[in-house]
């Protein structure tokens, strides 16, 4: 009878460790995936450079991407809301902005 209770305690202890272990495994995979994506983005930026840099806008600095597009983020870091990494040429989401 005593061995049965010891076995139950050990089993409960082992089962209680499974969720944290799974969480650590999932977090490490997500971090590795994020590192790979960040490295790819940095390499793509280094290879292509900042394409289509326009004149600095007052208060905004240099904007990247095609500023005539409606979806341009008007940012120095992100090209647009639809296609943040670009390129702007041949973008199927291009929408000319209405200037009024």
N, C-alpha and C. Protein backbone atom coordinates (compact mmCIF):
# COMPACT_ATOMS: atom_id res chain seq x y z
N UNK A 1 0.82 -1.19 0.00
CA UNK A 1 0.00 0.00 0.00
C UNK A 1 0.86 1.25 0.00
N UNK A 2 1.96 1.21 0.67
CA UNK A 2 2.84 2.36 0.77
C UNK A 2 3.47 2.67 -0.59
N UNK A 3 3.86 1.65 -1.35
CA UNK A 3 4.48 1.85 -2.66
C UNK A 3 3.49 2.49 -3.64
N UNK A 4 2.24 2.16 -3.49
CA UNK A 4 1.24 2.74 -4.38
C UNK A 4 1.14 4.26 -4.18
N UNK A 5 1.15 4.72 -2.97
CA UNK A 5 1.05 6.16 -2.72
C UNK A 5 2.33 6.88 -3.17
N UNK A 6 3.48 6.26 -3.01
CA UNK A 6 4.73 6.86 -3.49
C UNK A 6 4.70 6.97 -5.01
N UNK A 7 4.23 5.91 -5.65
CA UNK A 7 4.13 5.91 -7.10
C UNK A 7 3.18 7.02 -7.58
N UNK A 8 2.06 7.21 -6.89
CA UNK A 8 1.09 8.25 -7.25
C UNK A 8 1.71 9.64 -7.10
N UNK A 9 2.45 9.86 -6.06
CA UNK A 9 3.09 11.16 -5.84
C UNK A 9 4.10 11.44 -6.95
N UNK A 10 4.89 10.45 -7.29
CA UNK A 10 5.88 10.61 -8.36
C UNK A 10 5.18 10.87 -9.69
N UNK A 11 4.12 10.15 -9.97
CA UNK A 11 3.37 10.33 -11.21
C UNK A 11 2.76 11.73 -11.28
N UNK A 12 2.19 12.21 -10.20
CA UNK A 12 1.62 13.56 -10.16
C UNK A 12 2.71 14.60 -10.38
N UNK A 13 3.88 14.40 -9.77
CA UNK A 13 4.98 15.33 -9.93
C UNK A 13 5.44 15.39 -11.39
N UNK A 14 5.57 14.23 -12.01
CA UNK A 14 6.01 14.17 -13.42
C UNK A 14 4.96 14.83 -14.33
N UNK A 15 3.69 14.53 -14.07
CA UNK A 15 2.63 15.12 -14.89
C UNK A 15 2.56 16.65 -14.72
N UNK A 16 2.91 17.13 -13.54
CA UNK A 16 2.88 18.58 -13.32
C UNK A 16 4.02 19.29 -14.05
N UNK A 17 5.06 18.58 -14.43
CA UNK A 17 6.18 19.19 -15.14
C UNK A 17 5.97 19.26 -16.65
N UNK A 18 5.01 18.53 -17.17
CA UNK A 18 4.81 18.48 -18.62
C UNK A 18 4.39 19.84 -19.21
N UNK A 19 3.38 20.56 -18.67
CA UNK A 19 3.01 21.85 -19.28
C UNK A 19 4.14 22.87 -19.33
N UNK A 20 4.90 23.07 -18.24
CA UNK A 20 6.01 24.04 -18.36
C UNK A 20 7.06 23.62 -19.38
N UNK A 21 7.32 22.32 -19.47
CA UNK A 21 8.31 21.86 -20.45
C UNK A 21 7.82 22.11 -21.87
N UNK A 22 6.55 21.85 -22.12
CA UNK A 22 5.99 22.12 -23.45
C UNK A 22 6.03 23.61 -23.75
N UNK A 23 5.75 24.43 -22.76
CA UNK A 23 5.80 25.88 -22.95
C UNK A 23 7.20 26.35 -23.33
N UNK A 24 8.21 25.81 -22.66
CA UNK A 24 9.60 26.19 -22.96
C UNK A 24 9.96 25.77 -24.38
N UNK A 25 9.53 24.58 -24.78
CA UNK A 25 9.84 24.10 -26.14
C UNK A 25 9.19 25.00 -27.18
N UNK A 26 7.92 25.35 -26.98
CA UNK A 26 7.21 26.21 -27.94
C UNK A 26 7.84 27.60 -27.99
N UNK A 27 8.22 28.15 -26.82
CA UNK A 27 8.85 29.48 -26.80
C UNK A 27 10.19 29.47 -27.53
N UNK A 28 10.99 28.44 -27.34
CA UNK A 28 12.29 28.38 -28.03
C UNK A 28 12.12 28.28 -29.54
N UNK A 29 11.14 27.50 -29.98
CA UNK A 29 10.88 27.42 -31.42
C UNK A 29 10.42 28.76 -31.98
N UNK A 30 9.56 29.46 -31.24
CA UNK A 30 9.09 30.77 -31.70
C UNK A 30 10.23 31.78 -31.74
N UNK A 31 11.10 31.75 -30.73
CA UNK A 31 12.25 32.66 -30.73
C UNK A 31 13.19 32.37 -31.89
N UNK A 32 13.43 31.09 -32.16
CA UNK A 32 14.31 30.73 -33.28
C UNK A 32 13.70 31.20 -34.60
N UNK A 33 12.39 31.00 -34.76
CA UNK A 33 11.71 31.43 -35.98
C UNK A 33 11.79 32.95 -36.13
N UNK A 34 11.61 33.67 -35.02
CA UNK A 34 11.69 35.14 -35.07
C UNK A 34 13.11 35.59 -35.41
N UNK A 35 14.12 34.89 -34.86
CA UNK A 35 15.51 35.25 -35.18
C UNK A 35 15.79 35.05 -36.66
N UNK A 36 15.31 33.95 -37.23
CA UNK A 36 15.53 33.67 -38.65
C UNK A 36 14.85 34.74 -39.50
N UNK A 37 13.61 35.11 -39.15
CA UNK A 37 12.89 36.12 -39.92
C UNK A 37 13.56 37.49 -39.81
N UNK A 38 14.05 37.83 -38.61
CA UNK A 38 14.74 39.10 -38.43
C UNK A 38 16.03 39.13 -39.24
N UNK A 39 16.78 38.04 -39.22
CA UNK A 39 18.02 37.97 -39.98
C UNK A 39 17.74 38.11 -41.48
N UNK A 40 16.68 37.44 -41.96
CA UNK A 40 16.32 37.54 -43.38
C UNK A 40 15.92 38.97 -43.75
N UNK A 41 15.19 39.63 -42.86
CA UNK A 41 14.79 41.01 -43.12
C UNK A 41 15.99 41.93 -43.15
N UNK A 42 16.93 41.72 -42.24
CA UNK A 42 18.13 42.56 -42.21
C UNK A 42 18.97 42.35 -43.46
N UNK A 43 19.09 41.09 -43.90
CA UNK A 43 19.86 40.81 -45.11
C UNK A 43 19.18 41.39 -46.34
N UNK A 44 17.84 41.31 -46.39
CA UNK A 44 17.12 41.86 -47.54
C UNK A 44 17.29 43.37 -47.59
N UNK A 45 17.27 44.02 -46.43
CA UNK A 45 17.47 45.47 -46.40
C UNK A 45 18.88 45.84 -46.82
N UNK A 46 19.85 45.05 -46.38
CA UNK A 46 21.24 45.33 -46.73
C UNK A 46 21.47 45.14 -48.23
N UNK A 47 20.83 44.13 -48.81
CA UNK A 47 21.01 43.86 -50.24
C UNK A 47 20.31 44.91 -51.09
N UNK A 48 19.07 45.19 -50.78
CA UNK A 48 18.28 46.12 -51.58
C UNK A 48 18.53 47.57 -51.21
N UNK A 49 18.84 47.80 -49.95
CA UNK A 49 18.98 49.18 -49.49
C UNK A 49 17.60 49.80 -49.36
N UNK A 50 17.58 51.02 -49.00
CA UNK A 50 16.30 51.71 -48.89
C UNK A 50 15.95 52.28 -50.26
N UNK A 51 15.00 51.65 -50.92
CA UNK A 51 14.63 52.04 -52.27
C UNK A 51 13.69 53.25 -52.25
N UNK A 52 13.84 54.07 -53.24
CA UNK A 52 12.97 55.23 -53.46
C UNK A 52 12.92 56.17 -52.27
N UNK A 53 14.06 56.57 -51.79
CA UNK A 53 14.08 57.56 -50.71
C UNK A 53 13.73 58.91 -51.32
N UNK A 54 12.77 59.57 -50.72
CA UNK A 54 12.29 60.87 -51.21
C UNK A 54 12.93 61.99 -50.42
N UNK A 55 12.56 63.20 -50.76
CA UNK A 55 13.00 64.36 -50.01
C UNK A 55 12.43 64.29 -48.60
N UNK A 56 13.17 64.81 -47.63
CA UNK A 56 12.64 64.75 -46.26
C UNK A 56 11.39 65.62 -46.12
N UNK A 57 10.38 65.11 -45.43
CA UNK A 57 9.18 65.88 -45.14
C UNK A 57 9.35 66.52 -43.77
N UNK A 58 8.85 67.69 -43.64
CA UNK A 58 9.02 68.42 -42.39
C UNK A 58 8.40 67.63 -41.24
N UNK A 59 9.19 67.36 -40.22
CA UNK A 59 8.71 66.63 -39.04
C UNK A 59 8.73 65.13 -39.19
N UNK A 60 8.92 64.60 -40.40
CA UNK A 60 8.89 63.15 -40.59
C UNK A 60 10.25 62.60 -40.99
N UNK A 61 11.13 63.40 -41.54
CA UNK A 61 12.41 62.91 -42.01
C UNK A 61 12.28 62.26 -43.38
N UNK A 62 13.17 61.36 -43.70
CA UNK A 62 13.13 60.66 -44.99
C UNK A 62 12.09 59.55 -44.94
N UNK A 63 11.21 59.53 -45.91
CA UNK A 63 10.20 58.49 -46.00
C UNK A 63 10.65 57.46 -47.02
N UNK A 64 10.34 56.20 -46.76
CA UNK A 64 10.70 55.16 -47.72
C UNK A 64 9.45 54.69 -48.44
N UNK A 65 9.66 54.07 -49.56
CA UNK A 65 8.54 53.58 -50.35
C UNK A 65 8.01 54.63 -51.29
N UNK A 66 6.94 54.29 -51.97
CA UNK A 66 6.31 55.18 -52.95
C UNK A 66 5.29 56.05 -52.24
N UNK A 67 5.60 57.34 -52.06
CA UNK A 67 4.70 58.20 -51.28
C UNK A 67 3.44 58.57 -52.05
N UNK A 68 3.35 58.22 -53.32
CA UNK A 68 2.12 58.47 -54.06
C UNK A 68 1.09 57.38 -53.82
N UNK A 69 1.46 56.33 -53.11
CA UNK A 69 0.53 55.22 -52.84
C UNK A 69 -0.31 55.55 -51.61
N UNK A 70 -1.57 55.19 -51.67
CA UNK A 70 -2.49 55.44 -50.57
C UNK A 70 -2.09 54.67 -49.31
N UNK A 71 -1.48 53.50 -49.48
CA UNK A 71 -1.13 52.66 -48.35
C UNK A 71 0.25 52.96 -47.76
N UNK A 72 0.96 53.96 -48.28
CA UNK A 72 2.28 54.28 -47.75
C UNK A 72 2.15 54.67 -46.28
N UNK A 73 3.04 54.13 -45.44
CA UNK A 73 2.96 54.37 -44.00
C UNK A 73 3.49 55.73 -43.60
N UNK A 74 4.13 56.45 -44.53
CA UNK A 74 4.75 57.74 -44.25
C UNK A 74 5.67 57.63 -43.05
N UNK A 75 6.54 56.62 -43.10
CA UNK A 75 7.44 56.31 -42.01
C UNK A 75 8.85 56.12 -42.54
N UNK A 76 9.83 56.27 -41.66
CA UNK A 76 11.21 56.01 -42.06
C UNK A 76 11.58 54.56 -41.87
N UNK A 77 10.67 53.75 -41.31
CA UNK A 77 10.97 52.35 -41.02
C UNK A 77 10.10 51.36 -41.80
N UNK A 78 8.84 51.70 -42.06
CA UNK A 78 7.90 50.80 -42.72
C UNK A 78 7.43 51.44 -44.02
N UNK A 79 7.43 50.66 -45.10
CA UNK A 79 7.00 51.18 -46.40
C UNK A 79 5.50 51.44 -46.43
N UNK A 80 4.73 50.38 -46.16
CA UNK A 80 3.28 50.54 -46.23
C UNK A 80 2.60 49.52 -45.33
N UNK A 81 1.30 49.71 -45.15
CA UNK A 81 0.54 48.83 -44.28
C UNK A 81 0.33 47.46 -44.91
N UNK A 82 0.25 47.39 -46.23
CA UNK A 82 -0.03 46.14 -46.91
C UNK A 82 1.23 45.33 -47.18
N UNK A 83 2.29 46.01 -47.61
CA UNK A 83 3.53 45.34 -47.99
C UNK A 83 4.70 46.03 -47.30
N UNK A 84 4.90 45.80 -45.98
CA UNK A 84 5.87 46.57 -45.21
C UNK A 84 7.31 46.49 -45.69
N UNK A 85 7.72 45.35 -46.26
CA UNK A 85 9.12 45.22 -46.66
C UNK A 85 9.34 45.56 -48.12
N UNK A 86 8.28 45.78 -48.87
CA UNK A 86 8.43 46.20 -50.26
C UNK A 86 8.68 45.04 -51.18
N UNK A 87 9.08 45.27 -52.37
CA UNK A 87 9.32 46.56 -53.01
C UNK A 87 8.00 47.17 -53.48
N UNK A 88 8.04 48.46 -53.72
CA UNK A 88 6.83 49.17 -54.16
C UNK A 88 6.53 48.90 -55.63
N UNK A 89 7.59 48.71 -56.42
CA UNK A 89 7.38 48.43 -57.83
C UNK A 89 6.64 47.10 -57.95
N UNK A 90 5.72 47.04 -58.84
CA UNK A 90 4.94 45.84 -59.14
C UNK A 90 4.09 45.38 -57.97
N UNK A 91 3.76 46.25 -57.03
CA UNK A 91 2.91 45.88 -55.90
C UNK A 91 1.47 45.83 -56.39
N UNK A 92 0.82 44.71 -56.17
CA UNK A 92 -0.55 44.56 -56.69
C UNK A 92 -1.56 45.34 -55.86
N UNK A 93 -1.14 45.87 -54.71
CA UNK A 93 -2.03 46.64 -53.84
C UNK A 93 -1.87 48.15 -54.03
N UNK A 94 -1.10 48.57 -55.02
CA UNK A 94 -0.84 50.01 -55.24
C UNK A 94 -2.15 50.74 -55.50
N UNK A 95 -2.38 51.81 -54.78
CA UNK A 95 -3.55 52.66 -54.98
C UNK A 95 -3.06 54.11 -54.98
N UNK A 96 -3.22 54.83 -56.10
CA UNK A 96 -2.77 56.21 -56.12
C UNK A 96 -3.57 57.04 -55.10
N UNK A 97 -2.87 57.93 -54.40
CA UNK A 97 -3.52 58.79 -53.40
C UNK A 97 -4.25 59.92 -54.08
N UNK A 98 -5.34 60.32 -53.50
CA UNK A 98 -6.11 61.46 -53.98
C UNK A 98 -5.53 62.70 -53.31
N UNK A 99 -4.95 63.59 -54.09
CA UNK A 99 -4.41 64.83 -53.56
C UNK A 99 -5.44 65.93 -53.75
N UNK A 100 -5.83 66.57 -52.64
CA UNK A 100 -6.81 67.66 -52.77
C UNK A 100 -6.39 68.86 -52.00
